[in-house]
Amino acid sequence: MMIQGELVNLRAVEREDVARITAWLNEPATMRGWGWSAAAVSRFEIGQRVEGWLADEAVVGRPLALVIETLTGEAVGLVVLMPDRAEAHAVELSLLIGDPARWGAGLGSDALETVLDACFAGWNLHRVWLRVEVANERAHCLYQRHGFVHEGTLREAAFLDGRYQDVAILGLLAREWLARDEVPSPDSMR
C-alpha cells in the first residue's frame, strides 16, 4: 500500500525496514523530539515491534506503521497509528523524521497531512490523538497548524533530560479535519 502526498509517500512498514528504524530510534536528537530518553533500542526489539505492527495490520485491515519516503524513495521517517478503543474509531498517532538534518523541510508536515487524509477520508476514523511534551514547541506548532486541539495536560508524565516534564494531549476529530476544506458559500456570508 502506498499513500501519496505532495512531498512524501507513505508505505506500509516491512521487515526490511528494521535496520533503518533501529538507526532512527537510536538517534538522540530524534528520540528527544519524540519524547523518549536517549536509551539504546536494539534491532531485536525493533524487529519485534515490526512483527507486531504487521500482525495487527492483518487483523485491522490497514497499516498501523507507515514509512515516510521522499518522492525519490528515500526512507526518512515513520508514522505509527496505534488503535485506541476500536468501537470509538480512534488511533494514537506518533510521527518522526529520523534524521535531524531533514527537519524543517516540510516532510513531517506533508506526512501528517497525508496520513490524516487517509485516517479520516479513507479509513473512516473518528478521532486521531497524540501526546507531545509541553516544551516541544516545534511539534506543538506543527500539530496546531493541522487542526489539533489541546485536550489536556498530563503533569510530569515524561522524564527527559534529567527532569520530569508535562505532556499535552492533542486531538483532532474527523468533522474538524474534513471541514477545513469547506469554503463558505457567498450566501452564507451575508
N, C-alpha and C. Protein backbone atom coordinates (compact mmCIF):
# COMPACT_ATOMS: atom_id res chain seq x y z
N MET A 1 0.84 -1.19 0.00
CA MET A 1 0.00 0.00 0.00
C MET A 1 0.88 1.24 0.00
N MET A 2 0.55 2.18 -0.87
CA MET A 2 1.28 3.45 -0.96
C MET A 2 0.26 4.58 -0.91
N ILE A 3 0.49 5.55 -0.04
CA ILE A 3 -0.36 6.73 0.05
C ILE A 3 0.49 7.91 -0.39
N GLN A 4 0.03 8.63 -1.39
CA GLN A 4 0.84 9.69 -1.98
C GLN A 4 0.51 11.05 -1.39
N GLY A 5 1.56 11.79 -1.02
CA GLY A 5 1.44 13.17 -0.58
C GLY A 5 2.08 14.06 -1.62
N GLU A 6 2.28 15.31 -1.26
CA GLU A 6 2.93 16.25 -2.19
C GLU A 6 4.45 16.14 -2.15
N LEU A 7 5.01 15.96 -0.95
CA LEU A 7 6.46 15.86 -0.79
C LEU A 7 6.92 14.46 -0.42
N VAL A 8 6.00 13.68 0.14
CA VAL A 8 6.35 12.33 0.61
C VAL A 8 5.27 11.34 0.21
N ASN A 9 5.67 10.09 0.24
CA ASN A 9 4.74 8.98 0.12
C ASN A 9 4.81 8.20 1.42
N LEU A 10 3.72 7.57 1.79
CA LEU A 10 3.67 6.71 2.96
C LEU A 10 3.41 5.29 2.48
N ARG A 11 4.21 4.37 2.97
CA ARG A 11 4.00 2.97 2.62
C ARG A 11 4.03 2.13 3.89
N ALA A 12 3.34 1.01 3.84
CA ALA A 12 3.31 0.12 4.99
C ALA A 12 4.72 -0.34 5.35
N VAL A 13 4.99 -0.42 6.64
CA VAL A 13 6.29 -0.88 7.11
C VAL A 13 6.49 -2.33 6.66
N GLU A 14 7.75 -2.69 6.42
CA GLU A 14 8.12 -4.04 6.01
C GLU A 14 9.24 -4.54 6.91
N ARG A 15 9.44 -5.83 6.94
CA ARG A 15 10.52 -6.40 7.75
C ARG A 15 11.88 -5.80 7.38
N GLU A 16 12.05 -5.46 6.12
CA GLU A 16 13.32 -4.91 5.65
C GLU A 16 13.61 -3.53 6.23
N ASP A 17 12.64 -2.92 6.90
CA ASP A 17 12.81 -1.58 7.48
C ASP A 17 13.42 -1.60 8.87
N VAL A 18 13.62 -2.77 9.44
CA VAL A 18 14.07 -2.88 10.83
C VAL A 18 15.38 -2.12 11.07
N ALA A 19 16.37 -2.30 10.21
CA ALA A 19 17.67 -1.64 10.42
C ALA A 19 17.53 -0.12 10.39
N ARG A 20 16.78 0.39 9.45
CA ARG A 20 16.59 1.85 9.32
C ARG A 20 15.85 2.40 10.55
N ILE A 21 14.78 1.74 10.95
CA ILE A 21 14.02 2.20 12.12
C ILE A 21 14.89 2.15 13.37
N THR A 22 15.69 1.10 13.50
CA THR A 22 16.60 0.98 14.65
C THR A 22 17.57 2.17 14.68
N ALA A 23 18.09 2.54 13.53
CA ALA A 23 19.01 3.70 13.47
C ALA A 23 18.28 4.97 13.90
N TRP A 24 17.07 5.19 13.41
CA TRP A 24 16.31 6.39 13.79
C TRP A 24 16.06 6.42 15.29
N LEU A 25 15.69 5.26 15.86
CA LEU A 25 15.33 5.22 17.27
C LEU A 25 16.56 5.21 18.18
N ASN A 26 17.73 5.22 17.60
CA ASN A 26 18.96 5.35 18.37
C ASN A 26 19.65 6.69 18.12
N GLU A 27 18.98 7.60 17.43
CA GLU A 27 19.48 8.96 17.20
C GLU A 27 18.99 9.83 18.36
N PRO A 28 19.88 10.30 19.25
CA PRO A 28 19.44 11.03 20.45
C PRO A 28 18.54 12.24 20.17
N ALA A 29 18.86 13.05 19.19
CA ALA A 29 18.03 14.24 18.92
C ALA A 29 16.63 13.83 18.46
N THR A 30 16.56 12.79 17.66
CA THR A 30 15.26 12.31 17.18
C THR A 30 14.43 11.80 18.35
N MET A 31 15.05 11.05 19.22
CA MET A 31 14.32 10.47 20.35
C MET A 31 13.86 11.56 21.33
N ARG A 32 14.67 12.58 21.55
CA ARG A 32 14.23 13.69 22.40
C ARG A 32 12.99 14.35 21.79
N GLY A 33 13.02 14.54 20.48
CA GLY A 33 11.88 15.13 19.80
C GLY A 33 10.65 14.25 19.85
N TRP A 34 10.85 12.95 19.97
CA TRP A 34 9.74 12.01 20.03
C TRP A 34 9.30 11.76 21.47
N GLY A 35 10.00 12.40 22.41
CA GLY A 35 9.61 12.29 23.80
C GLY A 35 10.19 11.11 24.54
N TRP A 36 11.25 10.54 24.04
CA TRP A 36 11.89 9.41 24.71
C TRP A 36 13.29 9.82 25.14
N SER A 37 13.78 9.16 26.18
CA SER A 37 15.17 9.39 26.57
C SER A 37 16.06 8.74 25.52
N ALA A 38 17.32 9.05 25.56
CA ALA A 38 18.26 8.56 24.55
C ALA A 38 18.79 7.17 24.87
N ALA A 39 17.95 6.29 25.42
CA ALA A 39 18.36 4.93 25.71
C ALA A 39 18.45 4.13 24.41
N ALA A 40 19.41 3.23 24.35
CA ALA A 40 19.58 2.42 23.14
C ALA A 40 18.41 1.46 22.97
N VAL A 41 18.01 1.31 21.71
CA VAL A 41 16.96 0.38 21.34
C VAL A 41 17.59 -0.66 20.43
N SER A 42 17.41 -1.93 20.75
CA SER A 42 18.07 -2.98 19.97
C SER A 42 17.33 -3.30 18.68
N ARG A 43 18.07 -3.83 17.75
CA ARG A 43 17.48 -4.28 16.48
C ARG A 43 16.45 -5.38 16.74
N PHE A 44 16.74 -6.23 17.71
CA PHE A 44 15.80 -7.30 18.07
C PHE A 44 14.48 -6.71 18.54
N GLU A 45 14.54 -5.70 19.42
CA GLU A 45 13.32 -5.06 19.92
C GLU A 45 12.52 -4.42 18.79
N ILE A 46 13.20 -3.75 17.87
CA ILE A 46 12.51 -3.14 16.73
C ILE A 46 11.91 -4.22 15.84
N GLY A 47 12.63 -5.31 15.66
CA GLY A 47 12.09 -6.44 14.89
C GLY A 47 10.79 -6.95 15.49
N GLN A 48 10.74 -7.04 16.82
CA GLN A 48 9.51 -7.48 17.49
C GLN A 48 8.38 -6.47 17.27
N ARG A 49 8.69 -5.17 17.34
CA ARG A 49 7.67 -4.15 17.10
C ARG A 49 7.13 -4.25 15.68
N VAL A 50 8.02 -4.40 14.71
CA VAL A 50 7.60 -4.51 13.31
C VAL A 50 6.71 -5.74 13.14
N GLU A 51 7.10 -6.86 13.71
CA GLU A 51 6.27 -8.07 13.61
C GLU A 51 4.89 -7.83 14.23
N GLY A 52 4.85 -7.12 15.34
CA GLY A 52 3.57 -6.79 15.97
C GLY A 52 2.71 -5.90 15.08
N TRP A 53 3.35 -4.89 14.47
CA TRP A 53 2.60 -3.99 13.57
C TRP A 53 2.04 -4.77 12.38
N LEU A 54 2.86 -5.69 11.83
CA LEU A 54 2.40 -6.48 10.68
C LEU A 54 1.26 -7.41 11.07
N ALA A 55 1.35 -8.03 12.24
CA ALA A 55 0.27 -8.91 12.70
C ALA A 55 -1.01 -8.12 12.93
N ASP A 56 -0.88 -6.96 13.56
CA ASP A 56 -2.06 -6.12 13.80
C ASP A 56 -2.65 -5.60 12.50
N GLU A 57 -1.79 -5.29 11.53
CA GLU A 57 -2.26 -4.82 10.22
C GLU A 57 -3.16 -5.88 9.57
N ALA A 58 -2.77 -7.15 9.70
CA ALA A 58 -3.56 -8.22 9.12
C ALA A 58 -4.95 -8.30 9.76
N VAL A 59 -5.03 -7.99 11.05
CA VAL A 59 -6.31 -8.04 11.76
C VAL A 59 -7.16 -6.81 11.45
N VAL A 60 -6.54 -5.62 11.49
CA VAL A 60 -7.26 -4.36 11.32
C VAL A 60 -7.62 -4.10 9.85
N GLY A 61 -6.79 -4.58 8.93
CA GLY A 61 -7.06 -4.39 7.52
C GLY A 61 -6.47 -3.12 6.92
N ARG A 62 -5.59 -2.47 7.67
CA ARG A 62 -4.89 -1.28 7.18
C ARG A 62 -3.58 -1.20 7.95
N PRO A 63 -2.60 -0.48 7.40
CA PRO A 63 -1.31 -0.40 8.10
C PRO A 63 -1.41 0.37 9.41
N LEU A 64 -0.65 -0.10 10.39
CA LEU A 64 -0.54 0.62 11.66
C LEU A 64 0.77 1.38 11.73
N ALA A 65 1.72 1.01 10.91
CA ALA A 65 3.00 1.70 10.85
C ALA A 65 3.32 1.96 9.39
N LEU A 66 3.68 3.21 9.11
CA LEU A 66 3.96 3.64 7.74
C LEU A 66 5.33 4.29 7.68
N VAL A 67 6.11 3.89 6.70
CA VAL A 67 7.41 4.53 6.46
C VAL A 67 7.17 5.76 5.60
N ILE A 68 7.78 6.86 6.00
CA ILE A 68 7.71 8.11 5.22
C ILE A 68 8.87 8.08 4.25
N GLU A 69 8.56 8.20 2.96
CA GLU A 69 9.59 8.22 1.92
C GLU A 69 9.48 9.51 1.12
N THR A 70 10.64 10.02 0.70
CA THR A 70 10.62 11.14 -0.24
C THR A 70 10.06 10.62 -1.56
N LEU A 71 9.76 11.52 -2.47
CA LEU A 71 9.22 11.10 -3.77
C LEU A 71 10.22 10.30 -4.58
N THR A 72 11.50 10.36 -4.19
CA THR A 72 12.52 9.55 -4.87
C THR A 72 12.74 8.20 -4.18
N GLY A 73 11.96 7.92 -3.14
CA GLY A 73 12.03 6.62 -2.49
C GLY A 73 12.95 6.51 -1.30
N GLU A 74 13.51 7.62 -0.84
CA GLU A 74 14.40 7.59 0.33
C GLU A 74 13.55 7.56 1.60
N ALA A 75 13.76 6.55 2.42
CA ALA A 75 13.04 6.45 3.70
C ALA A 75 13.59 7.50 4.66
N VAL A 76 12.70 8.35 5.20
CA VAL A 76 13.14 9.44 6.07
C VAL A 76 12.43 9.46 7.42
N GLY A 77 11.38 8.66 7.61
CA GLY A 77 10.67 8.73 8.86
C GLY A 77 9.62 7.65 9.02
N LEU A 78 8.83 7.82 10.06
CA LEU A 78 7.88 6.79 10.46
C LEU A 78 6.63 7.43 11.05
N VAL A 79 5.48 6.88 10.70
CA VAL A 79 4.21 7.23 11.33
C VAL A 79 3.64 5.95 11.92
N VAL A 80 3.22 6.01 13.18
CA VAL A 80 2.61 4.86 13.83
C VAL A 80 1.21 5.27 14.28
N LEU A 81 0.24 4.42 13.99
CA LEU A 81 -1.17 4.67 14.34
C LEU A 81 -1.64 3.52 15.22
N MET A 82 -1.61 3.74 16.52
CA MET A 82 -2.00 2.68 17.46
C MET A 82 -3.49 2.76 17.75
N PRO A 83 -4.23 1.67 17.46
CA PRO A 83 -5.67 1.68 17.72
C PRO A 83 -5.96 1.96 19.20
N ASP A 84 -6.98 2.75 19.42
CA ASP A 84 -7.39 3.13 20.77
C ASP A 84 -8.90 2.94 20.84
N ARG A 85 -9.33 1.88 21.47
CA ARG A 85 -10.76 1.60 21.59
C ARG A 85 -11.40 1.50 20.20
N ALA A 86 -11.37 0.32 19.65
CA ALA A 86 -11.84 0.09 18.27
C ALA A 86 -13.25 0.62 18.04
N GLU A 87 -14.13 0.50 19.03
CA GLU A 87 -15.50 0.97 18.83
C GLU A 87 -15.57 2.49 18.71
N ALA A 88 -14.54 3.19 19.16
CA ALA A 88 -14.52 4.65 19.06
C ALA A 88 -13.88 5.11 17.74
N HIS A 89 -13.38 4.17 16.95
CA HIS A 89 -12.72 4.52 15.68
C HIS A 89 -11.65 5.59 15.89
N ALA A 90 -10.77 5.32 16.85
CA ALA A 90 -9.73 6.28 17.22
C ALA A 90 -8.36 5.62 17.17
N VAL A 91 -7.34 6.45 16.88
CA VAL A 91 -5.96 5.99 16.92
C VAL A 91 -5.09 7.04 17.61
N GLU A 92 -4.03 6.55 18.24
CA GLU A 92 -2.99 7.44 18.76
C GLU A 92 -1.90 7.52 17.71
N LEU A 93 -1.53 8.72 17.34
CA LEU A 93 -0.55 8.96 16.28
C LEU A 93 0.82 9.30 16.86
N SER A 94 1.85 8.72 16.27
CA SER A 94 3.23 9.12 16.53
C SER A 94 3.89 9.34 15.18
N LEU A 95 4.69 10.38 15.08
CA LEU A 95 5.34 10.72 13.82
C LEU A 95 6.78 11.13 14.11
N LEU A 96 7.71 10.66 13.29
CA LEU A 96 9.08 11.13 13.43
C LEU A 96 9.76 11.20 12.07
N ILE A 97 10.60 12.19 11.93
CA ILE A 97 11.56 12.26 10.82
C ILE A 97 12.88 11.84 11.45
N GLY A 98 13.46 10.75 10.96
CA GLY A 98 14.58 10.10 11.63
C GLY A 98 15.89 10.85 11.64
N ASP A 99 16.15 11.65 10.64
CA ASP A 99 17.43 12.37 10.54
C ASP A 99 17.19 13.85 10.84
N PRO A 100 17.73 14.37 11.94
CA PRO A 100 17.52 15.78 12.27
C PRO A 100 17.92 16.74 11.15
N ALA A 101 18.84 16.35 10.28
CA ALA A 101 19.24 17.22 9.16
C ALA A 101 18.09 17.41 8.17
N ARG A 102 17.08 16.53 8.22
CA ARG A 102 15.93 16.63 7.31
C ARG A 102 14.77 17.41 7.93
N TRP A 103 14.90 17.80 9.20
CA TRP A 103 13.84 18.55 9.86
C TRP A 103 13.72 19.93 9.22
N GLY A 104 12.53 20.48 9.19
CA GLY A 104 12.31 21.83 8.70
C GLY A 104 12.11 21.91 7.19
N ALA A 105 12.09 20.77 6.51
CA ALA A 105 11.93 20.76 5.04
C ALA A 105 10.49 20.50 4.61
N GLY A 106 9.57 20.41 5.59
CA GLY A 106 8.16 20.18 5.25
C GLY A 106 7.78 18.72 5.12
N LEU A 107 8.73 17.81 5.33
CA LEU A 107 8.45 16.38 5.17
C LEU A 107 7.48 15.88 6.24
N GLY A 108 7.70 16.29 7.49
CA GLY A 108 6.80 15.88 8.57
C GLY A 108 5.42 16.46 8.39
N SER A 109 5.36 17.70 7.97
CA SER A 109 4.07 18.36 7.75
C SER A 109 3.28 17.66 6.65
N ASP A 110 3.95 17.34 5.55
CA ASP A 110 3.26 16.65 4.46
C ASP A 110 2.87 15.24 4.87
N ALA A 111 3.73 14.55 5.61
CA ALA A 111 3.39 13.21 6.10
C ALA A 111 2.16 13.27 7.00
N LEU A 112 2.10 14.28 7.86
CA LEU A 112 0.96 14.43 8.75
C LEU A 112 -0.32 14.69 7.95
N GLU A 113 -0.24 15.61 7.02
CA GLU A 113 -1.40 15.92 6.15
C GLU A 113 -1.87 14.66 5.41
N THR A 114 -0.92 13.92 4.88
CA THR A 114 -1.24 12.73 4.09
C THR A 114 -1.87 11.64 4.95
N VAL A 115 -1.32 11.41 6.14
CA VAL A 115 -1.87 10.36 6.99
C VAL A 115 -3.23 10.76 7.56
N LEU A 116 -3.42 12.06 7.86
CA LEU A 116 -4.74 12.49 8.35
C LEU A 116 -5.81 12.35 7.27
N ASP A 117 -5.46 12.65 6.03
CA ASP A 117 -6.41 12.41 4.92
C ASP A 117 -6.79 10.94 4.86
N ALA A 118 -5.80 10.06 4.98
CA ALA A 118 -6.07 8.62 4.94
C ALA A 118 -6.95 8.20 6.12
N CYS A 119 -6.62 8.70 7.32
CA CYS A 119 -7.38 8.33 8.52
C CYS A 119 -8.85 8.72 8.40
N PHE A 120 -9.10 9.95 7.99
CA PHE A 120 -10.46 10.46 8.02
C PHE A 120 -11.24 10.23 6.73
N ALA A 121 -10.61 10.39 5.59
CA ALA A 121 -11.32 10.23 4.33
C ALA A 121 -11.25 8.80 3.81
N GLY A 122 -10.17 8.09 4.13
CA GLY A 122 -10.01 6.74 3.59
C GLY A 122 -10.41 5.63 4.53
N TRP A 123 -10.05 5.76 5.80
CA TRP A 123 -10.27 4.67 6.76
C TRP A 123 -11.44 4.93 7.71
N ASN A 124 -12.13 6.03 7.52
CA ASN A 124 -13.33 6.34 8.29
C ASN A 124 -13.08 6.35 9.81
N LEU A 125 -11.93 6.87 10.21
CA LEU A 125 -11.69 7.02 11.65
C LEU A 125 -12.42 8.26 12.14
N HIS A 126 -12.73 8.27 13.42
CA HIS A 126 -13.44 9.40 14.02
C HIS A 126 -12.50 10.37 14.72
N ARG A 127 -11.41 9.84 15.30
CA ARG A 127 -10.55 10.67 16.14
C ARG A 127 -9.11 10.21 16.02
N VAL A 128 -8.20 11.18 15.91
CA VAL A 128 -6.76 10.94 15.98
C VAL A 128 -6.24 11.79 17.13
N TRP A 129 -5.45 11.19 18.00
CA TRP A 129 -4.91 11.95 19.12
C TRP A 129 -3.43 11.60 19.28
N LEU A 130 -2.76 12.42 20.06
CA LEU A 130 -1.33 12.20 20.28
C LEU A 130 -0.90 12.83 21.59
N ARG A 131 0.29 12.46 22.00
CA ARG A 131 0.94 13.03 23.17
C ARG A 131 2.17 13.80 22.69
N VAL A 132 2.40 14.94 23.30
CA VAL A 132 3.60 15.70 22.96
C VAL A 132 4.05 16.47 24.20
N GLU A 133 5.35 16.50 24.44
CA GLU A 133 5.87 17.22 25.59
C GLU A 133 5.51 18.70 25.44
N VAL A 134 5.07 19.30 26.53
CA VAL A 134 4.67 20.70 26.51
C VAL A 134 5.82 21.58 26.02
N ALA A 135 7.04 21.22 26.36
CA ALA A 135 8.20 22.03 25.98
C ALA A 135 8.58 21.89 24.50
N ASN A 136 7.99 20.94 23.78
CA ASN A 136 8.33 20.71 22.37
C ASN A 136 7.51 21.67 21.49
N GLU A 137 7.96 22.92 21.43
CA GLU A 137 7.22 23.95 20.70
C GLU A 137 7.12 23.66 19.21
N ARG A 138 8.17 23.11 18.65
CA ARG A 138 8.16 22.80 17.21
C ARG A 138 7.02 21.83 16.88
N ALA A 139 6.87 20.79 17.68
CA ALA A 139 5.81 19.81 17.44
C ALA A 139 4.43 20.44 17.68
N HIS A 140 4.31 21.24 18.74
CA HIS A 140 3.02 21.91 19.00
C HIS A 140 2.59 22.75 17.81
N CYS A 141 3.51 23.51 17.26
CA CYS A 141 3.18 24.35 16.10
C CYS A 141 2.71 23.50 14.93
N LEU A 142 3.40 22.41 14.66
CA LEU A 142 3.03 21.52 13.56
C LEU A 142 1.62 20.99 13.76
N TYR A 143 1.35 20.45 14.93
CA TYR A 143 0.05 19.82 15.16
C TYR A 143 -1.08 20.84 15.19
N GLN A 144 -0.86 21.99 15.79
CA GLN A 144 -1.90 23.02 15.81
C GLN A 144 -2.18 23.56 14.41
N ARG A 145 -1.14 23.67 13.59
CA ARG A 145 -1.32 24.12 12.21
C ARG A 145 -2.20 23.15 11.42
N HIS A 146 -2.22 21.90 11.83
CA HIS A 146 -3.05 20.89 11.16
C HIS A 146 -4.38 20.66 11.87
N GLY A 147 -4.71 21.53 12.81
CA GLY A 147 -6.03 21.49 13.42
C GLY A 147 -6.16 20.76 14.75
N PHE A 148 -5.08 20.21 15.26
CA PHE A 148 -5.17 19.52 16.56
C PHE A 148 -5.49 20.53 17.65
N VAL A 149 -6.28 20.07 18.61
CA VAL A 149 -6.75 20.90 19.71
C VAL A 149 -6.20 20.34 21.02
N HIS A 150 -5.75 21.22 21.91
CA HIS A 150 -5.26 20.81 23.22
C HIS A 150 -6.44 20.28 24.02
N GLU A 151 -6.33 19.03 24.49
CA GLU A 151 -7.42 18.40 25.24
C GLU A 151 -7.10 18.24 26.72
N GLY A 152 -5.84 18.37 27.07
CA GLY A 152 -5.47 18.23 28.46
C GLY A 152 -3.97 18.12 28.63
N THR A 153 -3.53 18.13 29.88
CA THR A 153 -2.12 18.03 30.19
C THR A 153 -1.91 16.97 31.25
N LEU A 154 -0.98 16.09 31.00
CA LEU A 154 -0.56 15.10 31.99
C LEU A 154 0.66 15.69 32.69
N ARG A 155 0.49 16.03 33.95
CA ARG A 155 1.56 16.69 34.68
C ARG A 155 2.71 15.75 34.97
N GLU A 156 3.94 16.21 34.66
CA GLU A 156 5.18 15.48 34.92
C GLU A 156 5.08 14.01 34.50
N ALA A 157 4.56 13.77 33.30
CA ALA A 157 4.32 12.41 32.81
C ALA A 157 5.48 11.84 32.01
N ALA A 158 6.47 12.67 31.69
CA ALA A 158 7.64 12.19 30.94
C ALA A 158 8.89 12.57 31.71
N PHE A 159 9.91 11.73 31.62
CA PHE A 159 11.20 12.03 32.24
C PHE A 159 12.23 12.15 31.13
N LEU A 160 12.62 13.37 30.83
CA LEU A 160 13.55 13.65 29.74
C LEU A 160 14.61 14.63 30.22
N ASP A 161 15.81 14.41 29.77
CA ASP A 161 16.92 15.31 30.09
C ASP A 161 17.06 15.53 31.60
N GLY A 162 16.84 14.47 32.35
CA GLY A 162 17.06 14.52 33.79
C GLY A 162 15.97 15.17 34.61
N ARG A 163 14.82 15.44 34.01
CA ARG A 163 13.74 16.05 34.79
C ARG A 163 12.39 15.61 34.26
N TYR A 164 11.39 15.73 35.12
CA TYR A 164 10.03 15.41 34.71
C TYR A 164 9.46 16.56 33.89
N GLN A 165 8.68 16.20 32.86
CA GLN A 165 8.08 17.21 32.00
C GLN A 165 6.60 16.90 31.81
N ASP A 166 5.83 17.98 31.64
CA ASP A 166 4.41 17.82 31.35
C ASP A 166 4.22 17.36 29.91
N VAL A 167 3.17 16.59 29.70
CA VAL A 167 2.85 16.08 28.37
C VAL A 167 1.44 16.54 28.01
N ALA A 168 1.31 17.16 26.85
CA ALA A 168 0.00 17.61 26.37
C ALA A 168 -0.66 16.50 25.56
N ILE A 169 -1.97 16.42 25.68
CA ILE A 169 -2.78 15.54 24.85
C ILE A 169 -3.47 16.44 23.83
N LEU A 170 -3.24 16.14 22.55
CA LEU A 170 -3.86 16.90 21.46
C LEU A 170 -4.75 15.95 20.67
N GLY A 171 -5.88 16.44 20.20
CA GLY A 171 -6.78 15.59 19.44
C GLY A 171 -7.38 16.30 18.25
N LEU A 172 -7.83 15.52 17.30
CA LEU A 172 -8.46 16.03 16.09
C LEU A 172 -9.59 15.07 15.71
N LEU A 173 -10.77 15.64 15.45
CA LEU A 173 -11.93 14.85 15.05
C LEU A 173 -12.10 14.89 13.54
N ALA A 174 -12.71 13.87 13.01
CA ALA A 174 -12.93 13.79 11.56
C ALA A 174 -13.67 15.01 11.05
N ARG A 175 -14.72 15.42 11.73
CA ARG A 175 -15.51 16.57 11.23
C ARG A 175 -14.68 17.85 11.20
N GLU A 176 -13.74 18.00 12.14
CA GLU A 176 -12.86 19.17 12.13
C GLU A 176 -11.90 19.12 10.94
N TRP A 177 -11.35 17.96 10.69
CA TRP A 177 -10.42 17.80 9.57
C TRP A 177 -11.13 18.00 8.23
N LEU A 178 -12.26 17.37 8.08
CA LEU A 178 -12.97 17.45 6.81
C LEU A 178 -13.55 18.83 6.56
N ALA A 179 -13.86 19.58 7.62
CA ALA A 179 -14.42 20.93 7.47
C ALA A 179 -13.38 21.96 7.05
N ARG A 180 -12.10 21.66 7.19
CA ARG A 180 -11.05 22.63 6.88
C ARG A 180 -11.05 23.02 5.41
N ASP A 181 -11.54 22.15 4.55
CA ASP A 181 -11.55 22.44 3.12
C ASP A 181 -12.85 23.09 2.64
N GLU A 182 -13.81 23.17 3.55
CA GLU A 182 -15.09 23.75 3.16
C GLU A 182 -14.95 25.26 3.02
N VAL A 183 -15.37 25.77 1.91
CA VAL A 183 -15.33 27.21 1.65
C VAL A 183 -16.74 27.73 1.82
N PRO A 184 -16.92 28.78 2.62
CA PRO A 184 -18.28 29.30 2.80
C PRO A 184 -18.85 29.80 1.47
N SER A 185 -20.12 29.51 1.27
CA SER A 185 -20.77 30.00 0.05
C SER A 185 -21.02 31.49 0.19
N PRO A 186 -21.14 32.21 -0.93
CA PRO A 186 -21.42 33.65 -0.86
C PRO A 186 -22.70 33.95 -0.08
N ASP A 187 -23.70 33.05 -0.17
CA ASP A 187 -24.96 33.26 0.54
C ASP A 187 -24.78 33.21 2.05
N SER A 188 -23.82 32.37 2.52
CA SER A 188 -23.64 32.24 3.97
C SER A 188 -22.88 33.42 4.55
N MET A 189 -22.34 34.29 3.71
CA MET A 189 -21.54 35.41 4.19
C MET A 189 -22.36 36.69 4.28
N ARG A 190 -23.65 36.62 3.98
CA ARG A 190 -24.49 37.82 4.03
C ARG A 190 -25.06 38.03 5.40
